[in-house]
Amino acid sequence: MAITLGAVTLPGDLRWADEFAWSPLVQSSEYSLTGALIVQEAVKLAGRPITLEAKQEGLWVTRATVLELRALAETPGWSGTLTLHDGRTFTVGFRDDRISAEPIRHVAPLESGDAYTLTLKLQTIPL
């Protein structure tokens, strides 16, 4: 099953590189004037990083797909729905470094079907 980002269809086997490198909890601790430890903990409402990668041999995207993603990434304030191959959905926007893509083999002239590696940097945003 494919992955979709807004209206862009991506290969279903893109790797979510940082899926388990994030915790939904935030915690702070400090000592009171009496020396007691005060711990506060809450659930994060948004900001989960979602880095999708197509770097393995054969797991690439086309230049046409890269151009579609770049158009989204260059739209100020863009947000949309990311639907993963397993049916999970997230409301996402782009992170600062947004998108990175390199051709597998550079041959001029460039064509829409040329293969590219891809790193797509998203984050969840509040609804």
PDB file of N, CA and C in Angstrom:
ATOM      1  N   MET A   1       0.851  -1.188   0.000  1.00  0.00           N
ATOM      2  CA  MET A   1       0.000   0.000   0.000  1.00  0.00           C
ATOM      3  C   MET A   1       0.888   1.240   0.000  1.00  0.00           C
ATOM      4  N   ALA A   2       0.470   2.268  -0.682  1.00  0.00           N
ATOM      5  CA  ALA A   2       1.246   3.494  -0.831  1.00  0.00           C
ATOM      6  C   ALA A   2       1.106   4.404   0.390  1.00  0.00           C
ATOM      7  N   ILE A   3       2.016   5.341   0.480  1.00  0.00           N
ATOM      8  CA  ILE A   3       1.955   6.411   1.473  1.00  0.00           C
ATOM      9  C   ILE A   3       1.486   7.653   0.721  1.00  0.00           C
ATOM     10  N   THR A   4       0.609   8.445   1.345  1.00  0.00           N
ATOM     11  CA  THR A   4       0.192   9.690   0.704  1.00  0.00           C
ATOM     12  C   THR A   4       0.504  10.871   1.615  1.00  0.00           C
ATOM     13  N   LEU A   5       0.915  11.951   0.986  1.00  0.00           N
ATOM     14  CA  LEU A   5       1.145  13.226   1.668  1.00  0.00           C
ATOM     15  C   LEU A   5       0.355  14.252   0.895  1.00  0.00           C
ATOM     16  N   GLY A   6      -0.787  14.653   1.456  1.00  0.00           N
ATOM     17  CA  GLY A   6      -1.694  15.494   0.695  1.00  0.00           C
ATOM     18  C   GLY A   6      -2.128  14.725  -0.539  1.00  0.00           C
ATOM     19  N   ALA A   7      -1.894  15.298  -1.724  1.00  0.00           N
ATOM     20  CA  ALA A   7      -2.268  14.647  -2.978  1.00  0.00           C
ATOM     21  C   ALA A   7      -1.109  13.886  -3.615  1.00  0.00           C
ATOM     22  N   VAL A   8       0.050  13.856  -2.970  1.00  0.00           N
ATOM     23  CA  VAL A   8       1.236  13.193  -3.525  1.00  0.00           C
ATOM     24  C   VAL A   8       1.286  11.749  -3.033  1.00  0.00           C
ATOM     25  N   THR A   9       1.446  10.827  -3.969  1.00  0.00           N
ATOM     26  CA  THR A   9       1.568   9.409  -3.631  1.00  0.00           C
ATOM     27  C   THR A   9       3.041   9.029  -3.609  1.00  0.00           C
ATOM     28  N   LEU A  10       3.440   8.364  -2.515  1.00  0.00           N
ATOM     29  CA  LEU A  10       4.823   7.948  -2.309  1.00  0.00           C
ATOM     30  C   LEU A  10       4.879   6.427  -2.198  1.00  0.00           C
ATOM     31  N   PRO A  11       6.065   5.846  -2.418  1.00  0.00           N
ATOM     32  CA  PRO A  11       6.172   4.386  -2.250  1.00  0.00           C
ATOM     33  C   PRO A  11       5.808   3.970  -0.825  1.00  0.00           C
ATOM     34  N   GLY A  12       5.122   2.861  -0.684  1.00  0.00           N
ATOM     35  CA  GLY A  12       4.675   2.392   0.624  1.00  0.00           C
ATOM     36  C   GLY A  12       5.782   1.891   1.522  1.00  0.00           C
ATOM     37  N   ASP A  13       6.953   1.644   0.960  1.00  0.00           N
ATOM     38  CA  ASP A  13       8.036   1.117   1.785  1.00  0.00           C
ATOM     39  C   ASP A  13       9.084   2.158   2.149  1.00  0.00           C
ATOM     40  N   LEU A  14       8.701   3.439   2.147  1.00  0.00           N
ATOM     41  CA  LEU A  14       9.601   4.458   2.689  1.00  0.00           C
ATOM     42  C   LEU A  14       9.848   4.142   4.159  1.00  0.00           C
ATOM     43  N   ARG A  15      11.061   4.410   4.609  1.00  0.00           N
ATOM     44  CA  ARG A  15      11.425   4.102   5.998  1.00  0.00           C
ATOM     45  C   ARG A  15      11.181   5.320   6.877  1.00  0.00           C
ATOM     46  N   TRP A  16      10.446   5.136   7.982  1.00  0.00           N
ATOM     47  CA  TRP A  16      10.245   6.190   8.978  1.00  0.00           C
ATOM     48  C   TRP A  16      11.438   6.093   9.919  1.00  0.00           C
ATOM     49  N   ALA A  17      12.434   6.917   9.675  1.00  0.00           N
ATOM     50  CA  ALA A  17      13.736   6.796  10.331  1.00  0.00           C
ATOM     51  C   ALA A  17      13.701   7.078  11.832  1.00  0.00           C
ATOM     52  N   ASP A  18      12.854   7.984  12.287  1.00  0.00           N
ATOM     53  CA  ASP A  18      12.851   8.381  13.699  1.00  0.00           C
ATOM     54  C   ASP A  18      11.552   7.999  14.417  1.00  0.00           C
ATOM     55  N   GLU A  19      10.938   6.924  13.975  1.00  0.00           N
ATOM     56  CA  GLU A  19       9.649   6.524  14.544  1.00  0.00           C
ATOM     57  C   GLU A  19       9.718   6.292  16.055  1.00  0.00           C
ATOM     58  N   PHE A  20      10.806   5.707  16.530  1.00  0.00           N
ATOM     59  CA  PHE A  20      10.902   5.377  17.952  1.00  0.00           C
ATOM     60  C   PHE A  20      11.910   6.262  18.694  1.00  0.00           C
ATOM     61  N   ALA A  21      12.300   7.360  18.097  1.00  0.00           N
ATOM     62  CA  ALA A  21      13.272   8.266  18.720  1.00  0.00           C
ATOM     63  C   ALA A  21      12.587   9.460  19.385  1.00  0.00           C
ATOM     64  N   TRP A  22      11.309   9.342  19.670  1.00  0.00           N
ATOM     65  CA  TRP A  22      10.532  10.453  20.216  1.00  0.00           C
ATOM     66  C   TRP A  22       9.635   9.927  21.318  1.00  0.00           C
ATOM     67  N   SER A  23       9.439  10.734  22.331  1.00  0.00           N
ATOM     68  CA  SER A  23       8.531  10.372  23.415  1.00  0.00           C
ATOM     69  C   SER A  23       7.390  11.379  23.466  1.00  0.00           C
ATOM     70  N   PRO A  24       6.165  10.916  23.690  1.00  0.00           N
ATOM     71  CA  PRO A  24       5.041  11.842  23.781  1.00  0.00           C
ATOM     72  C   PRO A  24       4.993  12.594  25.112  1.00  0.00           C
ATOM     73  N   LEU A  25       5.901  12.268  26.023  1.00  0.00           N
ATOM     74  CA  LEU A  25       5.911  12.917  27.331  1.00  0.00           C
ATOM     75  C   LEU A  25       7.022  13.951  27.416  1.00  0.00           C
ATOM     76  N   VAL A  26       6.733  15.012  28.120  1.00  0.00           N
ATOM     77  CA  VAL A  26       7.738  16.022  28.429  1.00  0.00           C
ATOM     78  C   VAL A  26       7.804  16.139  29.947  1.00  0.00           C
ATOM     79  N   GLN A  27       8.994  16.300  30.455  1.00  0.00           N
ATOM     80  CA  GLN A  27       9.165  16.316  31.909  1.00  0.00           C
ATOM     81  C   GLN A  27      10.158  17.405  32.299  1.00  0.00           C
ATOM     82  N   SER A  28       9.880  18.052  33.406  1.00  0.00           N
ATOM     83  CA  SER A  28      10.834  18.994  33.987  1.00  0.00           C
ATOM     84  C   SER A  28      10.913  18.722  35.482  1.00  0.00           C
ATOM     85  N   SER A  29      12.081  18.938  36.012  1.00  0.00           N
ATOM     86  CA  SER A  29      12.241  18.754  37.459  1.00  0.00           C
ATOM     87  C   SER A  29      13.145  19.842  38.008  1.00  0.00           C
ATOM     88  N   GLU A  30      12.869  20.211  39.235  1.00  0.00           N
ATOM     89  CA  GLU A  30      13.680  21.206  39.932  1.00  0.00           C
ATOM     90  C   GLU A  30      13.511  20.994  41.439  1.00  0.00           C
ATOM     91  N   TYR A  31      14.407  21.568  42.189  1.00  0.00           N
ATOM     92  CA  TYR A  31      14.341  21.447  43.644  1.00  0.00           C
ATOM     93  C   TYR A  31      13.693  22.682  44.238  1.00  0.00           C
ATOM     94  N   SER A  32      12.848  22.470  45.225  1.00  0.00           N
ATOM     95  CA  SER A  32      12.216  23.588  45.928  1.00  0.00           C
ATOM     96  C   SER A  32      13.213  24.158  46.934  1.00  0.00           C
ATOM     97  N   LEU A  33      12.816  25.236  47.572  1.00  0.00           N
ATOM     98  CA  LEU A  33      13.679  25.850  48.590  1.00  0.00           C
ATOM     99  C   LEU A  33      13.902  24.927  49.784  1.00  0.00           C
ATOM    100  N   THR A  34      13.003  23.963  49.972  1.00  0.00           N
ATOM    101  CA  THR A  34      13.158  23.017  51.084  1.00  0.00           C
ATOM    102  C   THR A  34      14.033  21.830  50.703  1.00  0.00           C
ATOM    103  N   GLY A  35      14.430  21.748  49.435  1.00  0.00           N
ATOM    104  CA  GLY A  35      15.246  20.634  48.968  1.00  0.00           C
ATOM    105  C   GLY A  35      14.441  19.495  48.378  1.00  0.00           C
ATOM    106  N   ALA A  36      13.117  19.611  48.364  1.00  0.00           N
ATOM    107  CA  ALA A  36      12.278  18.564  47.784  1.00  0.00           C
ATOM    108  C   ALA A  36      12.338  18.636  46.253  1.00  0.00           C
ATOM    109  N   LEU A  37      12.291  17.487  45.633  1.00  0.00           N
ATOM    110  CA  LEU A  37      12.293  17.420  44.174  1.00  0.00           C
ATOM    111  C   LEU A  37      10.867  17.597  43.664  1.00  0.00           C
ATOM    112  N   ILE A  38      10.680  18.547  42.763  1.00  0.00           N
ATOM    113  CA  ILE A  38       9.370  18.794  42.149  1.00  0.00           C
ATOM    114  C   ILE A  38       9.468  18.362  40.690  1.00  0.00           C
ATOM    115  N   VAL A  39       8.650  17.371  40.333  1.00  0.00           N
ATOM    116  CA  VAL A  39       8.644  16.838  38.974  1.00  0.00           C
ATOM    117  C   VAL A  39       7.298  17.141  38.337  1.00  0.00           C
ATOM    118  N   GLN A  40       7.339  17.728  37.146  1.00  0.00           N
ATOM    119  CA  GLN A  40       6.117  17.981  36.387  1.00  0.00           C
ATOM    120  C   GLN A  40       6.214  17.213  35.074  1.00  0.00           C
ATOM    121  N   GLU A  41       5.110  16.592  34.692  1.00  0.00           N
ATOM    122  CA  GLU A  41       5.106  15.795  33.471  1.00  0.00           C
ATOM    123  C   GLU A  41       3.803  16.057  32.729  1.00  0.00           C
ATOM    124  N   ALA A  42       3.885  16.111  31.394  1.00  0.00           N
ATOM    125  CA  ALA A  42       2.699  16.341  30.575  1.00  0.00           C
ATOM    126  C   ALA A  42       2.869  15.630  29.241  1.00  0.00           C
ATOM    127  N   VAL A  43       1.772  15.538  28.502  1.00  0.00           N
ATOM    128  CA  VAL A  43       1.790  14.939  27.175  1.00  0.00           C
ATOM    129  C   VAL A  43       1.984  16.052  26.144  1.00  0.00           C
ATOM    130  N   LYS A  44       2.913  15.823  25.212  1.00  0.00           N
ATOM    131  CA  LYS A  44       3.132  16.783  24.126  1.00  0.00           C
ATOM    132  C   LYS A  44       1.920  16.754  23.198  1.00  0.00           C
ATOM    133  N   LEU A  45       1.498  17.915  22.742  1.00  0.00           N
ATOM    134  CA  LEU A  45       0.324  18.009  21.887  1.00  0.00           C
ATOM    135  C   LEU A  45       0.663  17.894  20.405  1.00  0.00           C
ATOM    136  N   ALA A  46       1.911  18.177  20.034  1.00  0.00           N
ATOM    137  CA  ALA A  46       2.333  18.124  18.634  1.00  0.00           C
ATOM    138  C   ALA A  46       3.850  18.197  18.585  1.00  0.00           C
ATOM    139  N   GLY A  47       4.378  18.172  17.370  1.00  0.00           N
ATOM    140  CA  GLY A  47       5.806  18.325  17.182  1.00  0.00           C
ATOM    141  C   GLY A  47       6.576  17.027  16.996  1.00  0.00           C
ATOM    142  N   ARG A  48       5.874  15.907  16.856  1.00  0.00           N
ATOM    143  CA  ARG A  48       6.562  14.635  16.653  1.00  0.00           C
ATOM    144  C   ARG A  48       7.247  14.662  15.285  1.00  0.00           C
ATOM    145  N   PRO A  49       8.554  14.405  15.239  1.00  0.00           N
ATOM    146  CA  PRO A  49       9.233  14.381  13.943  1.00  0.00           C
ATOM    147  C   PRO A  49       8.884  13.114  13.166  1.00  0.00           C
ATOM    148  N   ILE A  50       8.683  13.279  11.882  1.00  0.00           N
ATOM    149  CA  ILE A  50       8.458  12.138  10.987  1.00  0.00           C
ATOM    150  C   ILE A  50       9.408  12.327   9.806  1.00  0.00           C
ATOM    151  N   THR A  51      10.492  11.568   9.807  1.00  0.00           N
ATOM    152  CA  THR A  51      11.473  11.628   8.734  1.00  0.00           C
ATOM    153  C   THR A  51      11.303  10.380   7.879  1.00  0.00           C
ATOM    154  N   LEU A  52      10.889  10.589   6.641  1.00  0.00           N
ATOM    155  CA  LEU A  52      10.698   9.483   5.705  1.00  0.00           C
ATOM    156  C   LEU A  52      11.881   9.446   4.752  1.00  0.00           C
ATOM    157  N   GLU A  53      12.430   8.237   4.550  1.00  0.00           N
ATOM    158  CA  GLU A  53      13.623   8.099   3.719  1.00  0.00           C
ATOM    159  C   GLU A  53      13.431   7.059   2.624  1.00  0.00           C
ATOM    160  N   ALA A  54      13.964   7.379   1.455  1.00  0.00           N
ATOM    161  CA  ALA A  54      14.044   6.445   0.331  1.00  0.00           C
ATOM    162  C   ALA A  54      15.496   6.447  -0.106  1.00  0.00           C
ATOM    163  N   LYS A  55      16.317   5.630   0.554  1.00  0.00           N
ATOM    164  CA  LYS A  55      17.744   5.631   0.262  1.00  0.00           C
ATOM    165  C   LYS A  55      18.276   4.267  -0.152  1.00  0.00           C
ATOM    166  N   GLN A  56      17.551   3.193   0.149  1.00  0.00           N
ATOM    167  CA  GLN A  56      18.027   1.858  -0.193  1.00  0.00           C
ATOM    168  C   GLN A  56      17.913   1.628  -1.698  1.00  0.00           C
ATOM    169  N   GLU A  57      18.761   0.756  -2.200  1.00  0.00           N
ATOM    170  CA  GLU A  57      18.723   0.440  -3.622  1.00  0.00           C
ATOM    171  C   GLU A  57      17.340  -0.074  -4.011  1.00  0.00           C
ATOM    172  N   GLY A  58      16.800   0.511  -5.041  1.00  0.00           N
ATOM    173  CA  GLY A  58      15.483   0.110  -5.520  1.00  0.00           C
ATOM    174  C   GLY A  58      14.338   0.810  -4.812  1.00  0.00           C
ATOM    175  N   LEU A  59      14.622   1.479  -3.712  1.00  0.00           N
ATOM    176  CA  LEU A  59      13.586   2.207  -2.958  1.00  0.00           C
ATOM    177  C   LEU A  59      13.807   3.697  -3.196  1.00  0.00           C
ATOM    178  N   TRP A  60      13.494   4.133  -4.380  1.00  0.00           N
ATOM    179  CA  TRP A  60      13.714   5.502  -4.769  1.00  0.00           C
ATOM    180  C   TRP A  60      12.402   6.114  -5.253  1.00  0.00           C
ATOM    181  N   VAL A  61      12.422   7.406  -5.467  1.00  0.00           N
ATOM    182  CA  VAL A  61      11.256   8.099  -6.015  1.00  0.00           C
ATOM    183  C   VAL A  61      11.654   8.749  -7.333  1.00  0.00           C
ATOM    184  N   THR A  62      10.675   9.113  -8.122  1.00  0.00           N
ATOM    185  CA  THR A  62      10.954   9.739  -9.412  1.00  0.00           C
ATOM    186  C   THR A  62      11.181  11.244  -9.248  1.00  0.00           C
ATOM    187  N   ARG A  63      11.816  11.819 -10.238  1.00  0.00           N
ATOM    188  CA  ARG A  63      12.025  13.272 -10.252  1.00  0.00           C
ATOM    189  C   ARG A  63      10.677  13.999 -10.209  1.00  0.00           C
ATOM    190  N   ALA A  64       9.674  13.459 -10.890  1.00  0.00           N
ATOM    191  CA  ALA A  64       8.343  14.077 -10.881  1.00  0.00           C
ATOM    192  C   ALA A  64       7.794  14.154  -9.455  1.00  0.00           C
ATOM    193  N   THR A  65       7.986  13.094  -8.670  1.00  0.00           N
ATOM    194  CA  THR A  65       7.528  13.088  -7.275  1.00  0.00           C
ATOM    195  C   THR A  65       8.304  14.113  -6.448  1.00  0.00           C
ATOM    196  N   VAL A  66       9.607  14.188  -6.666  1.00  0.00           N
ATOM    197  CA  VAL A  66      10.429  15.172  -5.948  1.00  0.00           C
ATOM    198  C   VAL A  66       9.930  16.587  -6.239  1.00  0.00           C
ATOM    199  N   LEU A  67       9.602  16.867  -7.491  1.00  0.00           N
ATOM    200  CA  LEU A  67       9.109  18.202  -7.846  1.00  0.00           C
ATOM    201  C   LEU A  67       7.753  18.494  -7.198  1.00  0.00           C
ATOM    202  N   GLU A  68       6.879  17.488  -7.110  1.00  0.00           N
ATOM    203  CA  GLU A  68       5.592  17.664  -6.423  1.00  0.00           C
ATOM    204  C   GLU A  68       5.814  17.985  -4.942  1.00  0.00           C
ATOM    205  N   LEU A  69       6.725  17.224  -4.307  1.00  0.00           N
ATOM    206  CA  LEU A  69       7.012  17.449  -2.885  1.00  0.00           C
ATOM    207  C   LEU A  69       7.656  18.812  -2.666  1.00  0.00           C
ATOM    208  N   ARG A  70       8.526  19.193  -3.563  1.00  0.00           N
ATOM    209  CA  ARG A  70       9.179  20.508  -3.441  1.00  0.00           C
ATOM    210  C   ARG A  70       8.154  21.637  -3.520  1.00  0.00           C
ATOM    211  N   ALA A  71       7.172  21.487  -4.398  1.00  0.00           N
ATOM    212  CA  ALA A  71       6.115  22.501  -4.497  1.00  0.00           C
ATOM    213  C   ALA A  71       5.359  22.628  -3.176  1.00  0.00           C
ATOM    214  N   LEU A  72       5.059  21.484  -2.535  1.00  0.00           N
ATOM    215  CA  LEU A  72       4.407  21.537  -1.218  1.00  0.00           C
ATOM    216  C   LEU A  72       5.321  22.210  -0.197  1.00  0.00           C
ATOM    217  N   ALA A  73       6.592  21.808  -0.178  1.00  0.00           N
ATOM    218  CA  ALA A  73       7.543  22.305   0.812  1.00  0.00           C
ATOM    219  C   ALA A  73       7.789  23.801   0.678  1.00  0.00           C
ATOM    220  N   GLU A  74       7.607  24.343  -0.517  1.00  0.00           N
ATOM    221  CA  GLU A  74       7.834  25.772  -0.747  1.00  0.00           C
ATOM    222  C   GLU A  74       6.570  26.607  -0.568  1.00  0.00           C
ATOM    223  N   THR A  75       5.486  25.961  -0.144  1.00  0.00           N
ATOM    224  CA  THR A  75       4.242  26.684   0.117  1.00  0.00           C
ATOM    225  C   THR A  75       4.236  27.113   1.577  1.00  0.00           C
ATOM    226  N   PRO A  76       4.318  28.429   1.857  1.00  0.00           N
ATOM    227  CA  PRO A  76       4.358  28.882   3.251  1.00  0.00           C
ATOM    228  C   PRO A  76       3.147  28.398   4.045  1.00  0.00           C
ATOM    229  N   GLY A  77       3.407  27.838   5.225  1.00  0.00           N
ATOM    230  CA  GLY A  77       2.339  27.397   6.112  1.00  0.00           C
ATOM    231  C   GLY A  77       1.611  26.148   5.671  1.00  0.00           C
ATOM    232  N   TRP A  78       2.160  25.429   4.686  1.00  0.00           N
ATOM    233  CA  TRP A  78       1.465  24.231   4.195  1.00  0.00           C
ATOM    234  C   TRP A  78       1.305  23.214   5.312  1.00  0.00           C
ATOM    235  N   SER A  79       0.150  22.601   5.373  1.00  0.00           N
ATOM    236  CA  SER A  79      -0.088  21.450   6.247  1.00  0.00           C
ATOM    237  C   SER A  79      -1.031  20.516   5.514  1.00  0.00           C
ATOM    238  N   GLY A  80      -0.946  19.251   5.861  1.00  0.00           N
ATOM    239  CA  GLY A  80      -1.791  18.278   5.196  1.00  0.00           C
ATOM    240  C   GLY A  80      -1.812  16.971   5.958  1.00  0.00           C
ATOM    241  N   THR A  81      -2.449  15.990   5.363  1.00  0.00           N
ATOM    242  CA  THR A  81      -2.576  14.682   5.991  1.00  0.00           C
ATOM    243  C   THR A  81      -1.550  13.730   5.400  1.00  0.00           C
ATOM    244  N   LEU A  82      -0.818  13.083   6.293  1.00  0.00           N
ATOM    245  CA  LEU A  82       0.098  12.014   5.920  1.00  0.00           C
ATOM    246  C   LEU A  82      -0.590  10.709   6.274  1.00  0.00           C
ATOM    247  N   THR A  83      -0.757   9.834   5.292  1.00  0.00           N
ATOM    248  CA  THR A  83      -1.338   8.514   5.530  1.00  0.00           C
ATOM    249  C   THR A  83      -0.266   7.480   5.232  1.00  0.00           C
ATOM    250  N   LEU A  84       0.105   6.718   6.252  1.00  0.00           N
ATOM    251  CA  LEU A  84       1.134   5.703   6.096  1.00  0.00           C
ATOM    252  C   LEU A  84       0.554   4.430   5.490  1.00  0.00           C
ATOM    253  N   HIS A  85       1.423   3.541   5.052  1.00  0.00           N
ATOM    254  CA  HIS A  85       1.006   2.298   4.406  1.00  0.00           C
ATOM    255  C   HIS A  85       0.141   1.411   5.304  1.00  0.00           C
ATOM    256  N   ASP A  86       0.266   1.597   6.636  1.00  0.00           N
ATOM    257  CA  ASP A  86      -0.517   0.776   7.568  1.00  0.00           C
ATOM    258  C   ASP A  86      -1.822   1.444   7.994  1.00  0.00           C
ATOM    259  N   GLY A  87      -2.152   2.579   7.377  1.00  0.00           N
ATOM    260  CA  GLY A  87      -3.417   3.253   7.650  1.00  0.00           C
ATOM    261  C   GLY A  87      -3.352   4.348   8.697  1.00  0.00           C
ATOM    262  N   ARG A  88      -2.233   4.470   9.437  1.00  0.00           N
ATOM    263  CA  ARG A  88      -2.122   5.554  10.419  1.00  0.00           C
ATOM    264  C   ARG A  88      -2.080   6.894   9.695  1.00  0.00           C
ATOM    265  N   THR A  89      -2.762   7.887  10.273  1.00  0.00           N
ATOM    266  CA  THR A  89      -2.773   9.223   9.675  1.00  0.00           C
ATOM    267  C   THR A  89      -2.277  10.250  10.682  1.00  0.00           C
ATOM    268  N   PHE A  90      -1.618  11.275  10.153  1.00  0.00           N
ATOM    269  CA  PHE A  90      -1.089  12.365  10.957  1.00  0.00           C
ATOM    270  C   PHE A  90      -1.324  13.671  10.216  1.00  0.00           C
ATOM    271  N   THR A  91      -1.639  14.718  10.951  1.00  0.00           N
ATOM    272  CA  THR A  91      -1.667  16.055  10.371  1.00  0.00           C
ATOM    273  C   THR A  91      -0.259  16.609  10.518  1.00  0.00           C
ATOM    274  N   VAL A  92       0.363  16.959   9.387  1.00  0.00           N
ATOM    275  CA  VAL A  92       1.777  17.324   9.398  1.00  0.00           C
ATOM    276  C   VAL A  92       2.047  18.616   8.652  1.00  0.00           C
ATOM    277  N   GLY A  93       3.193  19.186   8.963  1.00  0.00           N
ATOM    278  CA  GLY A  93       3.773  20.293   8.226  1.00  0.00           C
ATOM    279  C   GLY A  93       5.244  19.973   8.051  1.00  0.00           C
ATOM    280  N   PHE A  94       5.933  20.792   7.285  1.00  0.00           N
ATOM    281  CA  PHE A  94       7.353  20.562   7.061  1.00  0.00           C
ATOM    282  C   PHE A  94       8.187  21.154   8.182  1.00  0.00           C
ATOM    283  N   ARG A  95       9.310  20.482   8.508  1.00  0.00           N
ATOM    284  CA  ARG A  95      10.299  21.028   9.420  1.00  0.00           C
ATOM    285  C   ARG A  95      11.217  21.958   8.625  1.00  0.00           C
ATOM    286  N   ASP A  96      12.090  22.666   9.326  1.00  0.00           N
ATOM    287  CA  ASP A  96      12.951  23.659   8.688  1.00  0.00           C
ATOM    288  C   ASP A  96      13.753  23.135   7.505  1.00  0.00           C
ATOM    289  N   ASP A  97      14.333  21.940   7.610  1.00  0.00           N
ATOM    290  CA  ASP A  97      15.172  21.432   6.540  1.00  0.00           C
ATOM    291  C   ASP A  97      14.391  20.650   5.490  1.00  0.00           C
ATOM    292  N   ARG A  98      13.130  20.551   5.591  1.00  0.00           N
ATOM    293  CA  ARG A  98      12.093  20.097   4.679  1.00  0.00           C
ATOM    294  C   ARG A  98      12.372  18.879   3.810  1.00  0.00           C
ATOM    295  N   ILE A  99      13.170  19.020   2.767  1.00  0.00           N
ATOM    296  CA  ILE A  99      13.314  17.945   1.786  1.00  0.00           C
ATOM    297  C   ILE A  99      14.735  17.930   1.237  1.00  0.00           C
ATOM    298  N   SER A 100      15.236  16.724   1.049  1.00  0.00           N
ATOM    299  CA  SER A 100      16.549  16.542   0.449  1.00  0.00           C
ATOM    300  C   SER A 100      16.430  15.416  -0.562  1.00  0.00           C
ATOM    301  N   ALA A 101      16.898  15.656  -1.788  1.00  0.00           N
ATOM    302  CA  ALA A 101      16.808  14.644  -2.838  1.00  0.00           C
ATOM    303  C   ALA A 101      18.043  14.733  -3.727  1.00  0.00           C
ATOM    304  N   GLU A 102      18.543  13.565  -4.107  1.00  0.00           N
ATOM    305  CA  GLU A 102      19.721  13.479  -4.980  1.00  0.00           C
ATOM    306  C   GLU A 102      19.442  12.463  -6.081  1.00  0.00           C
ATOM    307  N   PRO A 103      19.855  12.778  -7.317  1.00  0.00           N
ATOM    308  CA  PRO A 103      19.660  11.792  -8.379  1.00  0.00           C
ATOM    309  C   PRO A 103      20.552  10.573  -8.151  1.00  0.00           C
ATOM    310  N   ILE A 104      20.045   9.403  -8.485  1.00  0.00           N
ATOM    311  CA  ILE A 104      20.832   8.182  -8.393  1.00  0.00           C
ATOM    312  C   ILE A 104      21.964   8.226  -9.410  1.00  0.00           C
ATOM    313  N   ARG A 105      21.639   8.713 -10.591  1.00  0.00           N
ATOM    314  CA  ARG A 105      22.627   8.834 -11.657  1.00  0.00           C
ATOM    315  C   ARG A 105      22.288  10.095 -12.426  1.00  0.00           C
ATOM    316  N   HIS A 106      23.251  10.984 -12.534  1.00  0.00           N
ATOM    317  CA  HIS A 106      22.999  12.246 -13.231  1.00  0.00           C
ATOM    318  C   HIS A 106      23.273  12.068 -14.721  1.00  0.00           C
ATOM    319  N   VAL A 107      22.240  12.185 -15.500  1.00  0.00           N
ATOM    320  CA  VAL A 107      22.354  12.109 -16.952  1.00  0.00           C
ATOM    321  C   VAL A 107      21.518  13.247 -17.525  1.00  0.00           C
ATOM    322  N   ALA A 108      22.130  14.078 -18.342  1.00  0.00           N
ATOM    323  CA  ALA A 108      21.398  15.179 -18.968  1.00  0.00           C
ATOM    324  C   ALA A 108      20.797  14.690 -20.277  1.00  0.00           C
ATOM    325  N   PRO A 109      19.622  15.103 -20.634  1.00  0.00           N
ATOM    326  CA  PRO A 109      18.739  15.972 -19.880  1.00  0.00           C
ATOM    327  C   PRO A 109      17.990  15.198 -18.790  1.00  0.00           C
ATOM    328  N   LEU A 110      17.634  15.900 -17.749  1.00  0.00           N
ATOM    329  CA  LEU A 110      16.876  15.277 -16.661  1.00  0.00           C
ATOM    330  C   LEU A 110      15.457  14.987 -17.140  1.00  0.00           C
ATOM    331  N   GLU A 111      14.941  13.847 -16.724  1.00  0.00           N
ATOM    332  CA  GLU A 111      13.589  13.456 -17.125  1.00  0.00           C
ATOM    333  C   GLU A 111      12.744  13.147 -15.895  1.00  0.00           C
ATOM    334  N   SER A 112      11.435  13.245 -16.036  1.00  0.00           N
ATOM    335  CA  SER A 112      10.533  13.088 -14.890  1.00  0.00           C
ATOM    336  C   SER A 112      10.597  11.696 -14.273  1.00  0.00           C
ATOM    337  N   GLY A 113      11.022  10.681 -15.009  1.00  0.00           N
ATOM    338  CA  GLY A 113      11.089   9.325 -14.485  1.00  0.00           C
ATOM    339  C   GLY A 113      12.429   8.965 -13.856  1.00  0.00           C
ATOM    340  N   ASP A 114      13.392   9.889 -13.837  1.00  0.00           N
ATOM    341  CA  ASP A 114      14.700   9.617 -13.236  1.00  0.00           C
ATOM    342  C   ASP A 114      14.550   9.301 -11.756  1.00  0.00           C
ATOM    343  N   ALA A 115      15.377   8.373 -11.249  1.00  0.00           N
ATOM    344  CA  ALA A 115      15.302   7.933  -9.856  1.00  0.00           C
ATOM    345  C   ALA A 115      16.111   8.839  -8.930  1.00  0.00           C
ATOM    346  N   TYR A 116      15.550   9.109  -7.749  1.00  0.00           N
ATOM    347  CA  TYR A 116      16.181   9.971  -6.745  1.00  0.00           C
ATOM    348  C   TYR A 116      16.101   9.316  -5.369  1.00  0.00           C
ATOM    349  N   THR A 117      17.137   9.564  -4.561  1.00  0.00           N
ATOM    350  CA  THR A 117      17.008   9.275  -3.135  1.00  0.00           C
ATOM    351  C   THR A 117      16.203  10.417  -2.542  1.00  0.00           C
ATOM    352  N   LEU A 118      15.607  10.184  -1.383  1.00  0.00           N
ATOM    353  CA  LEU A 118      14.742  11.202  -0.791  1.00  0.00           C
ATOM    354  C   LEU A 118      14.824  11.142   0.726  1.00  0.00           C
ATOM    355  N   THR A 119      14.912  12.299   1.339  1.00  0.00           N
ATOM    356  CA  THR A 119      14.689  12.435   2.774  1.00  0.00           C
ATOM    357  C   THR A 119      13.661  13.540   2.938  1.00  0.00           C
ATOM    358  N   LEU A 120      12.546  13.199   3.555  1.00  0.00           N
ATOM    359  CA  LEU A 120      11.421  14.116   3.729  1.00  0.00           C
ATOM    360  C   LEU A 120      11.244  14.354   5.219  1.00  0.00           C
ATOM    361  N   LYS A 121      11.378  15.611   5.666  1.00  0.00           N
ATOM    362  CA  LYS A 121      11.323  15.924   7.097  1.00  0.00           C
ATOM    363  C   LYS A 121      10.038  16.663   7.434  1.00  0.00           C
ATOM    364  N   LEU A 122       9.195  15.966   8.175  1.00  0.00           N
ATOM    365  CA  LEU A 122       7.889  16.484   8.583  1.00  0.00           C
ATOM    366  C   LEU A 122       7.801  16.510  10.093  1.00  0.00           C
ATOM    367  N   GLN A 123       6.755  17.148  10.598  1.00  0.00           N
ATOM    368  CA  GLN A 123       6.440  17.074  12.028  1.00  0.00           C
ATOM    369  C   GLN A 123       4.941  17.194  12.187  1.00  0.00           C
ATOM    370  N   THR A 124       4.417  16.537  13.234  1.00  0.00           N
ATOM    371  CA  THR A 124       2.984  16.645  13.486  1.00  0.00           C
ATOM    372  C   THR A 124       2.682  18.046  13.978  1.00  0.00           C
ATOM    373  N   ILE A 125       1.497  18.493  13.628  1.00  0.00           N
ATOM    374  CA  ILE A 125       1.042  19.821  14.065  1.00  0.00           C
ATOM    375  C   ILE A 125      -0.326  19.675  14.693  1.00  0.00           C
ATOM    376  N   PRO A 126      -0.703  20.608  15.579  1.00  0.00           N
ATOM    377  CA  PRO A 126      -2.030  20.507  16.187  1.00  0.00           C
ATOM    378  C   PRO A 126      -3.134  20.720  15.161  1.00  0.00           C
ATOM    379  N   LEU A 127      -4.242  20.057  15.374  1.00  0.00           N
ATOM    380  CA  LEU A 127      -5.380  20.205  14.448  1.00  0.00           C
ATOM    381  C   LEU A 127      -5.977  21.569  14.519  1.00  0.00           C
TER     382      LEU A 127
END
